[in-house]
Protein backbone atom coordinates (compact mmCIF):
# COMPACT_ATOMS: atom_id res chain seq x y z
CA MET A 1 0.00 0.00 0.00
CA THR A 2 1.29 3.46 -0.90
CA PRO A 3 1.87 6.14 1.76
CA MET A 4 -0.75 8.31 0.04
CA LYS A 5 -3.45 5.64 0.45
CA GLU A 6 -2.45 5.24 4.07
CA ASP A 7 -2.74 9.01 4.58
CA TYR A 8 -6.26 8.94 3.13
CA LEU A 9 -7.28 6.12 5.45
CA LYS A 10 -5.81 8.01 8.42
CA ILE A 11 -7.62 11.27 7.72
CA ILE A 12 -10.94 9.51 7.08
CA PHE A 13 -10.46 7.67 10.39
CA GLU A 14 -9.54 10.89 12.23
CA LEU A 15 -12.65 12.63 10.92
CA GLY A 16 -14.91 9.83 12.18
CA GLY A 17 -15.12 7.65 9.09
CA LYS A 18 -15.31 4.52 11.21
CA SER A 19 -18.94 5.26 11.97
CA LYS A 20 -20.09 8.19 9.82
CA LYS A 21 -19.83 9.54 6.29
CA ILE A 22 -17.00 11.96 5.47
CA SER A 23 -17.19 14.34 2.52
CA ASN A 24 -14.54 14.78 -0.17
CA LYS A 25 -14.26 18.42 0.90
CA GLN A 26 -13.39 17.41 4.47
CA ILE A 27 -10.71 15.02 3.21
CA ALA A 28 -9.27 17.68 0.89
CA MET A 29 -9.11 20.26 3.68
CA GLY A 30 -7.52 17.79 6.07
CA LEU A 31 -4.79 16.80 3.59
CA ASN A 32 -4.33 20.30 2.12
CA ILE A 33 -5.04 19.12 -1.42
CA ALA A 34 -7.45 20.14 -4.15
CA ALA A 35 -10.95 18.69 -3.74
CA GLY A 36 -10.93 17.46 -7.34
CA SER A 37 -8.00 15.13 -6.69
CA VAL A 38 -9.83 13.32 -3.88
CA THR A 39 -12.38 11.63 -6.13
CA GLU A 40 -9.84 9.43 -7.90
CA MET A 41 -8.29 8.14 -4.68
CA VAL A 42 -11.69 7.55 -3.08
CA THR A 43 -12.63 5.44 -6.11
CA LYS A 44 -9.46 3.36 -5.67
CA LEU A 45 -10.14 2.81 -1.97
CA VAL A 46 -13.66 1.64 -2.74
CA GLU A 47 -12.43 -0.70 -5.50
CA GLU A 48 -9.91 -2.24 -3.10
CA GLY A 49 -12.55 -2.83 -0.44
CA LEU A 50 -11.05 -0.34 2.02
CA ALA A 51 -13.90 2.15 1.92
CA LYS A 52 -17.52 2.44 0.89
CA HIS A 53 -19.04 5.46 -0.80
CA THR A 54 -22.63 6.63 -0.75
CA PRO A 55 -23.50 9.22 -3.43
CA TYR A 56 -24.32 12.65 -1.99
CA ALA A 57 -23.56 11.36 1.54
CA GLY A 58 -19.84 10.63 1.68
CA ILE A 59 -17.27 7.94 2.38
CA SER A 60 -16.68 5.66 5.35
CA LEU A 61 -14.19 2.88 6.04
CA THR A 62 -14.82 -0.84 5.73
CA GLU A 63 -13.62 -3.23 8.43
CA GLU A 64 -10.41 -3.82 6.48
CA GLY A 65 -9.91 -0.09 6.02
CA ILE A 66 -10.47 0.52 9.72
CA GLN A 67 -7.87 -2.09 10.69
CA ILE A 68 -5.21 -0.53 8.45
CA ALA A 69 -6.08 2.98 9.63
CA GLU A 70 -5.82 1.94 13.28
CA ILE A 71 -2.32 0.54 12.72
CA MET A 72 -1.13 3.67 10.90
CA VAL A 73 -2.69 5.98 13.48
CA ARG A 74 -1.04 3.97 16.26
CA LYS A 75 2.38 4.32 14.62
CA HIS A 76 2.01 7.99 13.76
CA ARG A 77 0.70 9.09 17.14
CA MET A 78 3.24 7.00 19.04
CA TRP A 79 6.06 8.80 17.22
CA GLU A 80 4.41 12.16 17.85
CA THR A 81 4.34 11.34 21.55
CA PHE A 82 8.02 10.37 21.49
CA LEU A 83 9.06 13.50 19.60
CA VAL A 84 7.18 15.84 21.94
CA GLU A 85 7.90 14.11 25.25
CA LYS A 86 11.47 12.92 24.69
CA LEU A 87 12.92 15.29 22.06
CA ASN A 88 11.01 18.43 23.06
CA TYR A 89 9.45 19.06 19.67
CA LYS A 90 6.74 21.70 19.51
CA LEU A 91 3.34 20.23 18.70
CA SER A 92 3.26 22.10 15.40
CA GLU A 93 6.62 20.53 14.39
CA VAL A 94 5.96 16.83 14.86
CA ASP A 95 3.72 15.85 11.94
CA SER A 96 6.26 15.72 9.10
CA ASP A 97 8.85 13.68 11.00
CA ALA A 98 6.22 11.35 12.48
CA GLU A 99 4.90 10.86 8.94
CA VAL A 100 8.32 9.65 7.77
CA LEU A 101 8.91 7.42 10.78
CA GLU A 102 5.51 5.69 10.73
CA HIS A 103 6.11 4.23 7.27
CA VAL A 104 9.36 2.50 8.32
CA THR A 105 8.29 1.24 11.76
CA SER A 106 8.28 -2.53 12.31
CA ASP A 107 5.92 -4.20 14.75
CA HIS A 108 8.84 -4.97 17.07
CA LEU A 109 10.01 -1.36 17.08
CA LEU A 110 6.46 -0.14 17.69
CA ASP A 111 6.01 -2.48 20.67
CA SER A 112 9.35 -1.38 22.11
CA LEU A 113 8.45 2.29 21.65
CA ASP A 114 5.09 1.71 23.32
CA LYS A 115 6.78 0.16 26.37
CA PHE A 116 9.44 2.89 26.51
CA LEU A 117 6.74 5.61 26.54
CA GLY A 118 4.71 3.87 29.25
CA TYR A 119 1.86 2.70 27.00
CA PRO A 120 0.33 6.11 26.17
CA THR A 121 -3.38 6.25 25.30
CA HIS A 122 -3.42 9.68 23.63
CA CYS A 123 -1.00 11.70 21.52
CA PRO A 124 -0.04 15.33 22.27
CA HIS A 125 -2.87 16.79 20.15
CA GLY A 126 -5.50 14.67 21.90
CA GLY A 127 -5.91 11.81 19.41
CA VAL A 128 -6.43 8.30 20.74
CA ILE A 129 -3.64 5.71 20.37
CA PRO A 130 -4.98 2.17 19.84
CA ASP A 131 -3.17 -0.43 21.93
CA LYS A 132 -1.43 -3.52 20.53
CA GLU A 133 -4.71 -5.47 20.45
CA GLY A 134 -6.54 -2.62 18.72
CA ASN A 135 -8.46 -1.48 21.80
CA TYR A 136 -9.09 2.21 22.39
CA GLN A 137 -11.66 4.68 23.63
CA GLU A 138 -13.44 6.37 20.73
CA ASP A 139 -12.38 9.93 19.91
CA SER A 140 -14.82 12.79 20.16
CA HIS A 141 -16.23 13.62 16.74
CA THR A 142 -18.15 16.79 17.69
CA LEU A 143 -16.79 19.69 15.67
CA LEU A 144 -16.47 23.17 17.12
CA ALA A 145 -18.18 24.38 13.95
CA ASP A 146 -21.30 22.37 14.89
CA VAL A 147 -21.62 23.58 18.49
CA LYS A 148 -24.63 25.81 19.08
CA GLU A 149 -24.06 29.43 20.01
CA GLY A 150 -24.26 29.89 23.77
CA ALA A 151 -22.93 26.42 24.58
CA THR A 152 -19.86 25.75 26.72
CA VAL A 153 -17.49 22.96 25.68
CA LYS A 154 -13.96 21.70 26.30
CA VAL A 155 -11.36 21.36 23.54
CA ASP A 156 -10.72 17.63 23.18
CA ARG A 157 -8.39 17.17 20.19
CA PHE A 158 -7.10 18.64 16.94
CA ILE A 159 -6.76 17.08 13.52
CA ASP A 160 -3.13 16.18 12.87
CA ASN A 161 -2.37 18.90 10.33
CA HIS A 162 0.79 21.04 10.34
CA GLU A 163 -0.91 24.20 9.07
CA LEU A 164 -3.73 23.84 11.60
CA LEU A 165 -1.41 23.22 14.55
CA ASN A 166 0.69 26.28 13.66
CA TYR A 167 -2.46 28.37 13.45
CA LEU A 168 -3.83 27.17 16.79
CA ASP A 169 -0.44 27.84 18.38
CA GLU A 170 -0.60 31.41 17.09
CA ILE A 171 -4.06 32.06 18.54
CA ASP A 172 -3.15 30.19 21.76
CA LEU A 173 -5.89 27.55 21.75
CA ASP A 174 -4.94 24.36 23.59
CA ILE A 175 -6.24 20.90 24.45
CA GLY A 176 -8.35 21.13 27.61
CA ASP A 177 -9.38 24.77 27.17
CA ARG A 178 -12.95 25.47 28.26
CA ILE A 179 -14.64 27.74 25.76
CA HIS A 180 -18.01 29.46 25.42
CA VAL A 181 -19.22 29.64 21.83
CA VAL A 182 -20.32 33.21 21.23
CA HIS A 183 -21.08 33.37 17.51
CA HIS A 184 -20.69 31.57 14.18
CA ALA A 185 -20.34 34.22 11.48
CA PRO A 186 -22.30 33.46 8.27
CA PHE A 187 -20.80 32.77 4.83
CA GLU A 188 -17.87 30.73 6.15
CA GLY A 189 -16.87 33.44 8.59
CA PRO A 190 -15.00 32.84 11.85
CA THR A 191 -16.33 31.36 15.07
CA THR A 192 -15.99 33.66 18.08
CA VAL A 193 -15.34 31.92 21.41
CA LYS A 194 -14.58 33.11 24.92
CA LEU A 195 -11.91 31.30 26.95
CA LEU A 196 -13.35 30.66 30.38
CA ASP A 197 -10.28 29.62 32.38
CA ASN A 198 -8.17 32.68 31.63
CA GLU A 199 -7.85 35.53 34.10
CA SER A 200 -9.47 38.03 31.75
CA PRO A 201 -13.27 37.61 31.59
CA THR A 202 -13.28 39.07 28.06
CA ASP A 203 -10.57 36.86 26.57
CA GLU A 204 -12.09 36.10 23.17
CA ARG A 205 -10.68 34.31 20.15
CA GLN A 206 -11.83 34.28 16.56
CA ILE A 207 -11.28 30.84 15.03
CA SER A 208 -11.37 30.53 11.26
CA TYR A 209 -14.12 28.57 9.51
CA LYS A 210 -11.63 25.95 8.33
CA ALA A 211 -10.02 25.50 11.76
CA ALA A 212 -13.42 25.22 13.45
CA HIS A 213 -14.02 22.13 11.31
CA TYR A 214 -10.84 20.47 12.64
CA VAL A 215 -11.14 21.24 16.34
CA PHE A 216 -13.10 18.56 18.21
CA VAL A 217 -14.82 19.28 21.51
CA GLN A 218 -16.67 17.57 24.34
CA GLU A 219 -19.56 18.81 26.45
CA ASP A 220 -18.19 20.60 29.50
């Protein structure tokens, strides 16, 4: 399997494609590629039995696709944890190196890395790490963009995307932040949120439309 196919399976998995339909637009945004180029790869994944596509609804993973995605996610997020915890990488720096390392990681190396890190269950940007037997607690799949105005939620995880992580670092939004959703601007405008745990009671952030679709939250 090519690294590109593996990357598609990973992003579909991250976006919730184990149990729901993911659009081509979501995949394109997550991989920073043109939406038109997604169709061809989606067709290949369906032909190989790794995904199933429903017209006008989206794509989800088959059991075989899920199994491959879980393995790749485990490798990628384990290396991210190592790079951040042991080599002091910034969160926004880890994706490219973890991407290289995951594709050359043997099962023995992965098991050794898991033991060395103390069997972590989540990576630094909040994503779940399946254990050796494939067990894990399901990620949150509630998008900040879908939270009703006036609701209070906690930031649970970010999509593993270099551009996104740099952006969130710049606006100082972190895993675990409690936020009050003030307003979703129309026509793909930003989402305004208020950070509740900061000293300033008026500490507001404007989060871009694209980023709001790759920040996952939980009810507070």
